[in-house]
mmCIF file of all heavy atoms, coordinates in Angstrom:
data_MODEL
# 
_entry.id   MODEL 
# 
loop_
_atom_site.group_PDB 
_atom_site.id 
_atom_site.type_symbol 
_atom_site.label_atom_id 
_atom_site.label_alt_id 
_atom_site.label_comp_id 
_atom_site.label_asym_id 
_atom_site.label_entity_id 
_atom_site.label_seq_id 
_atom_site.pdbx_PDB_ins_code 
_atom_site.Cartn_x 
_atom_site.Cartn_y 
_atom_site.Cartn_z 
_atom_site.occupancy 
_atom_site.B_iso_or_equiv 
_atom_site.pdbx_formal_charge 
_atom_site.auth_seq_id 
_atom_site.auth_comp_id 
_atom_site.auth_asym_id 
_atom_site.auth_atom_id 
_atom_site.pdbx_PDB_model_num 
ATOM 1   N N   . GLY A 1 1  ? 75.125 -29.228 47.997 1.00 0.00 ? 1  GLY A N   1 
ATOM 2   C CA  . GLY A 1 1  ? 75.358 -30.362 47.102 1.00 0.00 ? 1  GLY A CA  1 
ATOM 3   C C   . GLY A 1 1  ? 75.005 -30.107 45.677 1.00 0.00 ? 1  GLY A C   1 
ATOM 4   O O   . GLY A 1 1  ? 75.761 -30.474 44.762 1.00 0.00 ? 1  GLY A O   1 
ATOM 5   N N   . THR A 1 2  ? 73.925 -29.439 45.466 1.00 0.00 ? 2  THR A N   1 
ATOM 6   C CA  . THR A 1 2  ? 73.511 -29.092 44.087 1.00 0.00 ? 2  THR A CA  1 
ATOM 7   C C   . THR A 1 2  ? 74.493 -28.153 43.453 1.00 0.00 ? 2  THR A C   1 
ATOM 8   O O   . THR A 1 2  ? 74.883 -28.321 42.283 1.00 0.00 ? 2  THR A O   1 
ATOM 9   C CB  . THR A 1 2  ? 72.115 -28.501 44.116 1.00 0.00 ? 2  THR A CB  1 
ATOM 10  O OG1 . THR A 1 2  ? 71.172 -29.393 44.729 1.00 0.00 ? 2  THR A OG1 1 
ATOM 11  C CG2 . THR A 1 2  ? 71.586 -28.202 42.696 1.00 0.00 ? 2  THR A CG2 1 
ATOM 12  N N   . THR A 1 3  ? 74.945 -27.162 44.181 1.00 0.00 ? 3  THR A N   1 
ATOM 13  C CA  . THR A 1 3  ? 75.944 -26.177 43.687 1.00 0.00 ? 3  THR A CA  1 
ATOM 14  C C   . THR A 1 3  ? 77.248 -26.876 43.401 1.00 0.00 ? 3  THR A C   1 
ATOM 15  O O   . THR A 1 3  ? 77.862 -26.638 42.331 1.00 0.00 ? 3  THR A O   1 
ATOM 16  C CB  . THR A 1 3  ? 76.183 -25.084 44.712 1.00 0.00 ? 3  THR A CB  1 
ATOM 17  O OG1 . THR A 1 3  ? 74.874 -24.462 45.030 1.00 0.00 ? 3  THR A OG1 1 
ATOM 18  C CG2 . THR A 1 3  ? 77.107 -23.988 44.143 1.00 0.00 ? 3  THR A CG2 1 
ATOM 19  N N   . LEU A 1 4  ? 77.703 -27.763 44.307 1.00 0.00 ? 4  LEU A N   1 
ATOM 20  C CA  . LEU A 1 4  ? 78.965 -28.478 44.026 1.00 0.00 ? 4  LEU A CA  1 
ATOM 21  C C   . LEU A 1 4  ? 78.830 -29.395 42.807 1.00 0.00 ? 4  LEU A C   1 
ATOM 22  O O   . LEU A 1 4  ? 79.730 -29.492 42.019 1.00 0.00 ? 4  LEU A O   1 
ATOM 23  C CB  . LEU A 1 4  ? 79.376 -29.222 45.300 1.00 0.00 ? 4  LEU A CB  1 
ATOM 24  C CG  . LEU A 1 4  ? 80.721 -29.926 45.261 1.00 0.00 ? 4  LEU A CG  1 
ATOM 25  C CD1 . LEU A 1 4  ? 81.812 -28.842 45.031 1.00 0.00 ? 4  LEU A CD1 1 
ATOM 26  C CD2 . LEU A 1 4  ? 80.998 -30.645 46.557 1.00 0.00 ? 4  LEU A CD2 1 
ATOM 27  N N   . ASN A 1 5  ? 77.702 -30.059 42.681 1.00 0.00 ? 5  ASN A N   1 
ATOM 28  C CA  . ASN A 1 5  ? 77.489 -30.927 41.464 1.00 0.00 ? 5  ASN A CA  1 
ATOM 29  C C   . ASN A 1 5  ? 77.503 -30.080 40.198 1.00 0.00 ? 5  ASN A C   1 
ATOM 30  O O   . ASN A 1 5  ? 78.093 -30.500 39.230 1.00 0.00 ? 5  ASN A O   1 
ATOM 31  C CB  . ASN A 1 5  ? 76.168 -31.657 41.607 1.00 0.00 ? 5  ASN A CB  1 
ATOM 32  C CG  . ASN A 1 5  ? 76.201 -32.772 42.604 1.00 0.00 ? 5  ASN A CG  1 
ATOM 33  O OD1 . ASN A 1 5  ? 77.263 -33.190 43.065 1.00 0.00 ? 5  ASN A OD1 1 
ATOM 34  N ND2 . ASN A 1 5  ? 75.066 -33.308 42.999 1.00 0.00 ? 5  ASN A ND2 1 
ATOM 35  N N   . CYS A 1 6  ? 76.864 -28.890 40.242 1.00 0.00 ? 6  CYS A N   1 
ATOM 36  C CA  . CYS A 1 6  ? 76.934 -28.050 39.016 1.00 0.00 ? 6  CYS A CA  1 
ATOM 37  C C   . CYS A 1 6  ? 78.359 -27.600 38.720 1.00 0.00 ? 6  CYS A C   1 
ATOM 38  O O   . CYS A 1 6  ? 78.758 -27.568 37.578 1.00 0.00 ? 6  CYS A O   1 
ATOM 39  C CB  . CYS A 1 6  ? 76.056 -26.779 39.207 1.00 0.00 ? 6  CYS A CB  1 
ATOM 40  S SG  . CYS A 1 6  ? 74.293 -27.185 39.117 1.00 0.00 ? 6  CYS A SG  1 
ATOM 41  N N   . LEU A 1 7  ? 79.119 -27.340 39.777 1.00 0.00 ? 7  LEU A N   1 
ATOM 42  C CA  . LEU A 1 7  ? 80.496 -26.918 39.573 1.00 0.00 ? 7  LEU A CA  1 
ATOM 43  C C   . LEU A 1 7  ? 81.328 -28.030 38.959 1.00 0.00 ? 7  LEU A C   1 
ATOM 44  O O   . LEU A 1 7  ? 82.136 -27.842 38.132 1.00 0.00 ? 7  LEU A O   1 
ATOM 45  C CB  . LEU A 1 7  ? 81.063 -26.531 40.959 1.00 0.00 ? 7  LEU A CB  1 
ATOM 46  C CG  . LEU A 1 7  ? 82.500 -25.954 41.010 1.00 0.00 ? 7  LEU A CG  1 
ATOM 47  C CD1 . LEU A 1 7  ? 82.448 -24.591 40.355 1.00 0.00 ? 7  LEU A CD1 1 
ATOM 48  C CD2 . LEU A 1 7  ? 82.939 -25.856 42.416 1.00 0.00 ? 7  LEU A CD2 1 
ATOM 49  N N   . LEU A 1 8  ? 81.039 -29.252 39.402 1.00 0.00 ? 8  LEU A N   1 
ATOM 50  C CA  . LEU A 1 8  ? 81.773 -30.426 38.933 1.00 0.00 ? 8  LEU A CA  1 
ATOM 51  C C   . LEU A 1 8  ? 81.385 -30.805 37.489 1.00 0.00 ? 8  LEU A C   1 
ATOM 52  O O   . LEU A 1 8  ? 82.164 -31.339 36.724 1.00 0.00 ? 8  LEU A O   1 
ATOM 53  C CB  . LEU A 1 8  ? 81.558 -31.630 39.839 1.00 0.00 ? 8  LEU A CB  1 
ATOM 54  C CG  . LEU A 1 8  ? 82.213 -31.522 41.215 1.00 0.00 ? 8  LEU A CG  1 
ATOM 55  C CD1 . LEU A 1 8  ? 81.667 -32.589 42.117 1.00 0.00 ? 8  LEU A CD1 1 
ATOM 56  C CD2 . LEU A 1 8  ? 83.700 -31.579 41.137 1.00 0.00 ? 8  LEU A CD2 1 
ATOM 57  N N   . LEU A 1 9  ? 80.188 -30.478 37.059 1.00 0.00 ? 9  LEU A N   1 
ATOM 58  C CA  . LEU A 1 9  ? 79.625 -30.881 35.747 1.00 0.00 ? 9  LEU A CA  1 
ATOM 59  C C   . LEU A 1 9  ? 79.820 -29.850 34.732 1.00 0.00 ? 9  LEU A C   1 
ATOM 60  O O   . LEU A 1 9  ? 79.790 -30.127 33.506 1.00 0.00 ? 9  LEU A O   1 
ATOM 61  C CB  . LEU A 1 9  ? 78.180 -31.304 35.890 1.00 0.00 ? 9  LEU A CB  1 
ATOM 62  C CG  . LEU A 1 9  ? 77.915 -32.573 36.704 1.00 0.00 ? 9  LEU A CG  1 
ATOM 63  C CD1 . LEU A 1 9  ? 76.403 -32.772 36.853 1.00 0.00 ? 9  LEU A CD1 1 
ATOM 64  C CD2 . LEU A 1 9  ? 78.571 -33.783 36.069 1.00 0.00 ? 9  LEU A CD2 1 
ATOM 65  N N   . ARG A 1 10 ? 79.917 -28.579 35.095 1.00 0.00 ? 10 ARG A N   1 
ATOM 66  C CA  . ARG A 1 10 ? 80.021 -27.481 34.152 1.00 0.00 ? 10 ARG A CA  1 
ATOM 67  C C   . ARG A 1 10 ? 81.381 -26.825 34.172 1.00 0.00 ? 10 ARG A C   1 
ATOM 68  O O   . ARG A 1 10 ? 81.723 -26.160 35.158 1.00 0.00 ? 10 ARG A O   1 
ATOM 69  C CB  . ARG A 1 10 ? 78.896 -26.471 34.418 1.00 0.00 ? 10 ARG A CB  1 
ATOM 70  C CG  . ARG A 1 10 ? 77.568 -26.987 34.189 1.00 0.00 ? 10 ARG A CG  1 
ATOM 71  C CD  . ARG A 1 10 ? 76.455 -25.994 34.391 1.00 0.00 ? 10 ARG A CD  1 
ATOM 72  N NE  . ARG A 1 10 ? 76.753 -24.759 33.734 1.00 0.00 ? 10 ARG A NE  1 
ATOM 73  C CZ  . ARG A 1 10 ? 76.064 -23.632 34.001 1.00 0.00 ? 10 ARG A CZ  1 
ATOM 74  N NH1 . ARG A 1 10 ? 75.142 -23.589 34.886 1.00 0.00 ? 10 ARG A NH1 1 
ATOM 75  N NH2 . ARG A 1 10 ? 76.368 -22.551 33.318 1.00 0.00 ? 10 ARG A NH2 1 
ATOM 76  N N   . LYS A 1 11 ? 82.127 -26.990 33.107 1.00 0.00 ? 11 LYS A N   1 
ATOM 77  C CA  . LYS A 1 11 ? 83.483 -26.465 33.019 1.00 0.00 ? 11 LYS A CA  1 
ATOM 78  C C   . LYS A 1 11 ? 83.465 -24.900 33.101 1.00 0.00 ? 11 LYS A C   1 
ATOM 79  O O   . LYS A 1 11 ? 84.392 -24.330 33.579 1.00 0.00 ? 11 LYS A O   1 
ATOM 80  C CB  . LYS A 1 11 ? 84.090 -26.961 31.736 1.00 0.00 ? 11 LYS A CB  1 
ATOM 81  C CG  . LYS A 1 11 ? 85.543 -26.660 31.614 1.00 0.00 ? 11 LYS A CG  1 
ATOM 82  C CD  . LYS A 1 11 ? 86.101 -27.308 30.337 1.00 0.00 ? 11 LYS A CD  1 
ATOM 83  C CE  . LYS A 1 11 ? 87.577 -27.041 30.295 1.00 0.00 ? 11 LYS A CE  1 
ATOM 84  N NZ  . LYS A 1 11 ? 88.228 -27.821 29.201 1.00 0.00 ? 11 LYS A NZ  1 
ATOM 85  N N   . ASP A 1 12 ? 82.403 -24.286 32.547 1.00 0.00 ? 12 ASP A N   1 
ATOM 86  C CA  . ASP A 1 12 ? 82.363 -22.858 32.540 1.00 0.00 ? 12 ASP A CA  1 
ATOM 87  C C   . ASP A 1 12 ? 82.219 -22.247 33.977 1.00 0.00 ? 12 ASP A C   1 
ATOM 88  O O   . ASP A 1 12 ? 82.516 -21.046 34.143 1.00 0.00 ? 12 ASP A O   1 
ATOM 89  C CB  . ASP A 1 12 ? 81.197 -22.341 31.689 1.00 0.00 ? 12 ASP A CB  1 
ATOM 90  C CG  . ASP A 1 12 ? 79.815 -22.822 32.137 1.00 0.00 ? 12 ASP A CG  1 
ATOM 91  O OD1 . ASP A 1 12 ? 79.723 -24.005 32.494 1.00 0.00 ? 12 ASP A OD1 1 
ATOM 92  O OD2 . ASP A 1 12 ? 78.938 -22.011 32.177 1.00 0.00 ? 12 ASP A OD2 1 
ATOM 93  N N   . LEU A 1 13 ? 81.922 -23.038 34.929 1.00 0.00 ? 13 LEU A N   1 
ATOM 94  C CA  . LEU A 1 13 ? 81.803 -22.542 36.292 1.00 0.00 ? 13 LEU A CA  1 
ATOM 95  C C   . LEU A 1 13 ? 83.135 -22.678 37.085 1.00 0.00 ? 13 LEU A C   1 
ATOM 96  O O   . LEU A 1 13 ? 83.248 -22.103 38.194 1.00 0.00 ? 13 LEU A O   1 
ATOM 97  C CB  . LEU A 1 13 ? 80.690 -23.276 37.083 1.00 0.00 ? 13 LEU A CB  1 
ATOM 98  C CG  . LEU A 1 13 ? 79.267 -23.037 36.605 1.00 0.00 ? 13 LEU A CG  1 
ATOM 99  C CD1 . LEU A 1 13 ? 78.306 -23.837 37.407 1.00 0.00 ? 13 LEU A CD1 1 
ATOM 100 C CD2 . LEU A 1 13 ? 78.948 -21.567 36.641 1.00 0.00 ? 13 LEU A CD2 1 
ATOM 101 N N   . CYS A 1 14 ? 84.077 -23.445 36.565 1.00 0.00 ? 14 CYS A N   1 
ATOM 102 C CA  . CYS A 1 14 ? 85.359 -23.643 37.239 1.00 0.00 ? 14 CYS A CA  1 
ATOM 103 C C   . CYS A 1 14 ? 86.344 -22.539 36.895 1.00 0.00 ? 14 CYS A C   1 
ATOM 104 O O   . CYS A 1 14 ? 87.208 -22.745 36.073 1.00 0.00 ? 14 CYS A O   1 
ATOM 105 C CB  . CYS A 1 14 ? 85.918 -24.990 36.871 1.00 0.00 ? 14 CYS A CB  1 
ATOM 106 S SG  . CYS A 1 14 ? 84.953 -26.338 37.541 1.00 0.00 ? 14 CYS A SG  1 
ATOM 107 N N   . SER A 1 15 ? 86.143 -21.400 37.473 1.00 0.00 ? 15 SER A N   1 
ATOM 108 C CA  . SER A 1 15 ? 87.018 -20.270 37.168 1.00 0.00 ? 15 SER A CA  1 
ATOM 109 C C   . SER A 1 15 ? 87.274 -19.476 38.455 1.00 0.00 ? 15 SER A C   1 
ATOM 110 O O   . SER A 1 15 ? 86.568 -19.628 39.433 1.00 0.00 ? 15 SER A O   1 
ATOM 111 C CB  . SER A 1 15 ? 86.397 -19.327 36.172 1.00 0.00 ? 15 SER A CB  1 
ATOM 112 O OG  . SER A 1 15 ? 85.200 -18.727 36.674 1.00 0.00 ? 15 SER A OG  1 
ATOM 113 N N   . TRP A 1 16 ? 88.288 -18.630 38.431 1.00 0.00 ? 16 TRP A N   1 
ATOM 114 C CA  . TRP A 1 16 ? 88.628 -17.810 39.610 1.00 0.00 ? 16 TRP A CA  1 
ATOM 115 C C   . TRP A 1 16 ? 87.501 -16.894 40.014 1.00 0.00 ? 16 TRP A C   1 
ATOM 116 O O   . TRP A 1 16 ? 87.171 -16.785 41.205 1.00 0.00 ? 16 TRP A O   1 
ATOM 117 C CB  . TRP A 1 16 ? 89.894 -17.017 39.264 1.00 0.00 ? 16 TRP A CB  1 
ATOM 118 C CG  . TRP A 1 16 ? 90.356 -16.124 40.373 1.00 0.00 ? 16 TRP A CG  1 
ATOM 119 C CD1 . TRP A 1 16 ? 91.112 -16.518 41.442 1.00 0.00 ? 16 TRP A CD1 1 
ATOM 120 C CD2 . TRP A 1 16 ? 90.093 -14.754 40.504 1.00 0.00 ? 16 TRP A CD2 1 
ATOM 121 N NE1 . TRP A 1 16 ? 91.294 -15.422 42.287 1.00 0.00 ? 16 TRP A NE1 1 
ATOM 122 C CE2 . TRP A 1 16 ? 90.713 -14.304 41.738 1.00 0.00 ? 16 TRP A CE2 1 
ATOM 123 C CE3 . TRP A 1 16 ? 89.397 -13.802 39.765 1.00 0.00 ? 16 TRP A CE3 1 
ATOM 124 C CZ2 . TRP A 1 16 ? 90.629 -13.049 42.165 1.00 0.00 ? 16 TRP A CZ2 1 
ATOM 125 C CZ3 . TRP A 1 16 ? 89.336 -12.474 40.194 1.00 0.00 ? 16 TRP A CZ3 1 
ATOM 126 C CH2 . TRP A 1 16 ? 89.970 -12.109 41.413 1.00 0.00 ? 16 TRP A CH2 1 
ATOM 127 N N   . SER A 1 17 ? 86.864 -16.232 39.037 1.00 0.00 ? 17 SER A N   1 
ATOM 128 C CA  . SER A 1 17 ? 85.749 -15.314 39.340 1.00 0.00 ? 17 SER A CA  1 
ATOM 129 C C   . SER A 1 17 ? 84.539 -16.014 39.935 1.00 0.00 ? 17 SER A C   1 
ATOM 130 O O   . SER A 1 17 ? 83.917 -15.496 40.841 1.00 0.00 ? 17 SER A O   1 
ATOM 131 C CB  . SER A 1 17 ? 85.361 -14.550 38.074 1.00 0.00 ? 17 SER A CB  1 
ATOM 132 O OG  . SER A 1 17 ? 84.930 -15.410 37.085 1.00 0.00 ? 17 SER A OG  1 
ATOM 133 N N   . CYS A 1 18 ? 84.294 -17.226 39.498 1.00 0.00 ? 18 CYS A N   1 
ATOM 134 C CA  . CYS A 1 18 ? 83.200 -18.020 40.090 1.00 0.00 ? 18 CYS A CA  1 
ATOM 135 C C   . CYS A 1 18 ? 83.526 -18.369 41.517 1.00 0.00 ? 18 CYS A C   1 
ATOM 136 O O   . CYS A 1 18 ? 82.677 -18.411 42.396 1.00 0.00 ? 18 CYS A O   1 
ATOM 137 C CB  . CYS A 1 18 ? 82.929 -19.280 39.242 1.00 0.00 ? 18 CYS A CB  1 
ATOM 138 S SG  . CYS A 1 18 ? 81.493 -20.212 39.828 1.00 0.00 ? 18 CYS A SG  1 
ATOM 139 N N   . GLY A 1 19 ? 84.839 -18.704 41.788 1.00 0.00 ? 19 GLY A N   1 
ATOM 140 C CA  . GLY A 1 19 ? 85.245 -19.032 43.132 1.00 0.00 ? 19 GLY A CA  1 
ATOM 141 C C   . GLY A 1 19 ? 85.023 -17.860 44.034 1.00 0.00 ? 19 GLY A C   1 
ATOM 142 O O   . GLY A 1 19 ? 84.622 -18.010 45.215 1.00 0.00 ? 19 GLY A O   1 
ATOM 143 N N   . ILE A 1 20 ? 85.363 -16.656 43.572 1.00 0.00 ? 20 ILE A N   1 
ATOM 144 C CA  . ILE A 1 20 ? 85.169 -15.429 44.363 1.00 0.00 ? 20 ILE A CA  1 
ATOM 145 C C   . ILE A 1 20 ? 83.694 -15.212 44.656 1.00 0.00 ? 20 ILE A C   1 
ATOM 146 O O   . ILE A 1 20 ? 83.295 -14.927 45.813 1.00 0.00 ? 20 ILE A O   1 
ATOM 147 C CB  . ILE A 1 20 ? 85.733 -14.167 43.624 1.00 0.00 ? 20 ILE A CB  1 
ATOM 148 C CG1 . ILE A 1 20 ? 87.230 -14.242 43.478 1.00 0.00 ? 20 ILE A CG1 1 
ATOM 149 C CG2 . ILE A 1 20 ? 85.270 -12.923 44.256 1.00 0.00 ? 20 ILE A CG2 1 
ATOM 150 C CD1 . ILE A 1 20 ? 87.987 -13.999 44.705 1.00 0.00 ? 20 ILE A CD1 1 
ATOM 151 N N   . GLN A 1 21 ? 82.848 -15.382 43.656 1.00 0.00 ? 21 GLN A N   1 
ATOM 152 C CA  . GLN A 1 21 ? 81.447 -15.171 43.847 1.00 0.00 ? 21 GLN A CA  1 
ATOM 153 C C   . GLN A 1 21 ? 80.851 -16.222 44.814 1.00 0.00 ? 21 GLN A C   1 
ATOM 154 O O   . GLN A 1 21 ? 80.033 -15.846 45.683 1.00 0.00 ? 21 GLN A O   1 
ATOM 155 C CB  . GLN A 1 21 ? 80.723 -15.252 42.517 1.00 0.00 ? 21 GLN A CB  1 
ATOM 156 C CG  . GLN A 1 21 ? 79.282 -14.948 42.509 1.00 0.00 ? 21 GLN A CG  1 
ATOM 157 C CD  . GLN A 1 21 ? 78.651 -14.953 41.142 1.00 0.00 ? 21 GLN A CD  1 
ATOM 158 O OE1 . GLN A 1 21 ? 79.190 -15.456 40.175 1.00 0.00 ? 21 GLN A OE1 1 
ATOM 159 N NE2 . GLN A 1 21 ? 77.467 -14.385 41.030 1.00 0.00 ? 21 GLN A NE2 1 
ATOM 160 N N   . LEU A 1 22 ? 81.240 -17.474 44.664 1.00 0.00 ? 22 LEU A N   1 
ATOM 161 C CA  . LEU A 1 22 ? 80.803 -18.550 45.566 1.00 0.00 ? 22 LEU A CA  1 
ATOM 162 C C   . LEU A 1 22 ? 81.191 -18.232 47.018 1.00 0.00 ? 22 LEU A C   1 
ATOM 163 O O   . LEU A 1 22 ? 80.364 -18.333 47.953 1.00 0.00 ? 22 LEU A O   1 
ATOM 164 C CB  . LEU A 1 22 ? 81.397 -19.893 45.201 1.00 0.00 ? 22 LEU A CB  1 
ATOM 165 C CG  . LEU A 1 22 ? 80.651 -20.725 44.246 1.00 0.00 ? 22 LEU A CG  1 
ATOM 166 C CD1 . LEU A 1 22 ? 81.483 -21.962 43.861 1.00 0.00 ? 22 LEU A CD1 1 
ATOM 167 C CD2 . LEU A 1 22 ? 79.326 -21.168 44.803 1.00 0.00 ? 22 LEU A CD2 1 
ATOM 168 N N   . ARG A 1 23 ? 82.502 -17.832 47.216 1.00 0.00 ? 23 ARG A N   1 
ATOM 169 C CA  . ARG A 1 23 ? 82.947 -17.591 48.544 1.00 0.00 ? 23 ARG A CA  1 
ATOM 170 C C   . ARG A 1 23 ? 82.222 -16.414 49.181 1.00 0.00 ? 23 ARG A C   1 
ATOM 171 O O   . ARG A 1 23 ? 81.880 -16.390 50.372 1.00 0.00 ? 23 ARG A O   1 
ATOM 172 C CB  . ARG A 1 23 ? 84.438 -17.294 48.522 1.00 0.00 ? 23 ARG A CB  1 
ATOM 173 C CG  . ARG A 1 23 ? 85.076 -17.260 49.892 1.00 0.00 ? 23 ARG A CG  1 
ATOM 174 C CD  . ARG A 1 23 ? 84.914 -18.603 50.643 1.00 0.00 ? 23 ARG A CD  1 
ATOM 175 N NE  . ARG A 1 23 ? 85.209 -18.474 52.006 1.00 0.00 ? 23 ARG A NE  1 
ATOM 176 C CZ  . ARG A 1 23 ? 84.351 -18.712 53.011 1.00 0.00 ? 23 ARG A CZ  1 
ATOM 177 N NH1 . ARG A 1 23 ? 83.134 -19.170 52.778 1.00 0.00 ? 23 ARG A NH1 1 
ATOM 178 N NH2 . ARG A 1 23 ? 84.672 -18.548 54.204 1.00 0.00 ? 23 ARG A NH2 1 
ATOM 179 N N   . HIS A 1 24 ? 81.901 -15.377 48.409 1.00 0.00 ? 24 HIS A N   1 
ATOM 180 C CA  . HIS A 1 24 ? 81.190 -14.234 48.918 1.00 0.00 ? 24 HIS A CA  1 
ATOM 181 C C   . HIS A 1 24 ? 79.761 -14.659 49.332 1.00 0.00 ? 24 HIS A C   1 
ATOM 182 O O   . HIS A 1 24 ? 79.335 -14.307 50.414 1.00 0.00 ? 24 HIS A O   1 
ATOM 183 C CB  . HIS A 1 24 ? 81.058 -13.132 47.825 1.00 0.00 ? 24 HIS A CB  1 
ATOM 184 C CG  . HIS A 1 24 ? 80.162 -12.034 48.250 1.00 0.00 ? 24 HIS A CG  1 
ATOM 185 N ND1 . HIS A 1 24 ? 80.465 -11.082 49.182 1.00 0.00 ? 24 HIS A ND1 1 
ATOM 186 C CD2 . HIS A 1 24 ? 78.896 -11.759 47.779 1.00 0.00 ? 24 HIS A CD2 1 
ATOM 187 C CE1 . HIS A 1 24 ? 79.429 -10.266 49.307 1.00 0.00 ? 24 HIS A CE1 1 
ATOM 188 N NE2 . HIS A 1 24 ? 78.481 -10.640 48.470 1.00 0.00 ? 24 HIS A NE2 1 
ATOM 189 N N   . ASN A 1 25 ? 79.098 -15.389 48.473 1.00 0.00 ? 25 ASN A N   1 
ATOM 190 C CA  . ASN A 1 25 ? 77.729 -15.854 48.824 1.00 0.00 ? 25 ASN A CA  1 
ATOM 191 C C   . ASN A 1 25 ? 77.715 -16.796 50.051 1.00 0.00 ? 25 ASN A C   1 
ATOM 192 O O   . ASN A 1 25 ? 76.829 -16.688 50.872 1.00 0.00 ? 25 ASN A O   1 
ATOM 193 C CB  . ASN A 1 25 ? 77.083 -16.577 47.618 1.00 0.00 ? 25 ASN A CB  1 
ATOM 194 C CG  . ASN A 1 25 ? 76.820 -15.584 46.488 1.00 0.00 ? 25 ASN A CG  1 
ATOM 195 O OD1 . ASN A 1 25 ? 76.756 -14.399 46.672 1.00 0.00 ? 25 ASN A OD1 1 
ATOM 196 N ND2 . ASN A 1 25 ? 76.697 -16.146 45.271 1.00 0.00 ? 25 ASN A ND2 1 
ATOM 197 N N   . ILE A 1 26 ? 78.698 -17.653 50.160 1.00 0.00 ? 26 ILE A N   1 
ATOM 198 C CA  . ILE A 1 26 ? 78.742 -18.555 51.295 1.00 0.00 ? 26 ILE A CA  1 
ATOM 199 C C   . ILE A 1 26 ? 79.026 -17.746 52.567 1.00 0.00 ? 26 ILE A C   1 
ATOM 200 O O   . ILE A 1 26 ? 78.444 -18.017 53.598 1.00 0.00 ? 26 ILE A O   1 
ATOM 201 C CB  . ILE A 1 26 ? 79.851 -19.639 51.091 1.00 0.00 ? 26 ILE A CB  1 
ATOM 202 C CG1 . ILE A 1 26 ? 79.442 -20.552 49.940 1.00 0.00 ? 26 ILE A CG1 1 
ATOM 203 C CG2 . ILE A 1 26 ? 80.068 -20.433 52.414 1.00 0.00 ? 26 ILE A CG2 1 
ATOM 204 C CD1 . ILE A 1 26 ? 80.624 -21.447 49.493 1.00 0.00 ? 26 ILE A CD1 1 
ATOM 205 N N   . SER A 1 27 ? 79.899 -16.756 52.483 1.00 0.00 ? 27 SER A N   1 
ATOM 206 C CA  . SER A 1 27 ? 80.173 -15.933 53.678 1.00 0.00 ? 27 SER A CA  1 
ATOM 207 C C   . SER A 1 27 ? 78.896 -15.145 54.135 1.00 0.00 ? 27 SER A C   1 
ATOM 208 O O   . SER A 1 27 ? 78.738 -14.971 55.323 1.00 0.00 ? 27 SER A O   1 
ATOM 209 C CB  . SER A 1 27 ? 81.343 -14.992 53.449 1.00 0.00 ? 27 SER A CB  1 
ATOM 210 O OG  . SER A 1 27 ? 81.017 -13.988 52.492 1.00 0.00 ? 27 SER A OG  1 
ATOM 211 N N   . ARG A 1 28 ? 78.094 -14.768 53.189 1.00 0.00 ? 28 ARG A N   1 
ATOM 212 C CA  . ARG A 1 28 ? 76.813 -14.106 53.519 1.00 0.00 ? 28 ARG A CA  1 
ATOM 213 C C   . ARG A 1 28 ? 75.890 -15.052 54.260 1.00 0.00 ? 28 ARG A C   1 
ATOM 214 O O   . ARG A 1 28 ? 75.252 -14.732 55.246 1.00 0.00 ? 28 ARG A O   1 
ATOM 215 C CB  . ARG A 1 28 ? 76.145 -13.541 52.258 1.00 0.00 ? 28 ARG A CB  1 
ATOM 216 C CG  . ARG A 1 28 ? 76.910 -12.440 51.495 1.00 0.00 ? 28 ARG A CG  1 
ATOM 217 C CD  . ARG A 1 28 ? 77.055 -11.169 52.327 1.00 0.00 ? 28 ARG A CD  1 
ATOM 218 N NE  . ARG A 1 28 ? 75.805 -10.593 52.719 1.00 0.00 ? 28 ARG A NE  1 
ATOM 219 C CZ  . ARG A 1 28 ? 75.258 -9.538  52.181 1.00 0.00 ? 28 ARG A CZ  1 
ATOM 220 N NH1 . ARG A 1 28 ? 75.822 -8.959  51.145 1.00 0.00 ? 28 ARG A NH1 1 
ATOM 221 N NH2 . ARG A 1 28 ? 74.063 -9.101  52.604 1.00 0.00 ? 28 ARG A NH2 1 
# 
């Protein structure tokens, strides 16, 4: 929830590379 809220509030986190990093961390 905190990560999703940060993603929704910070435009700099809404990018393809951030999506890759998030997905990698979640898969771990």
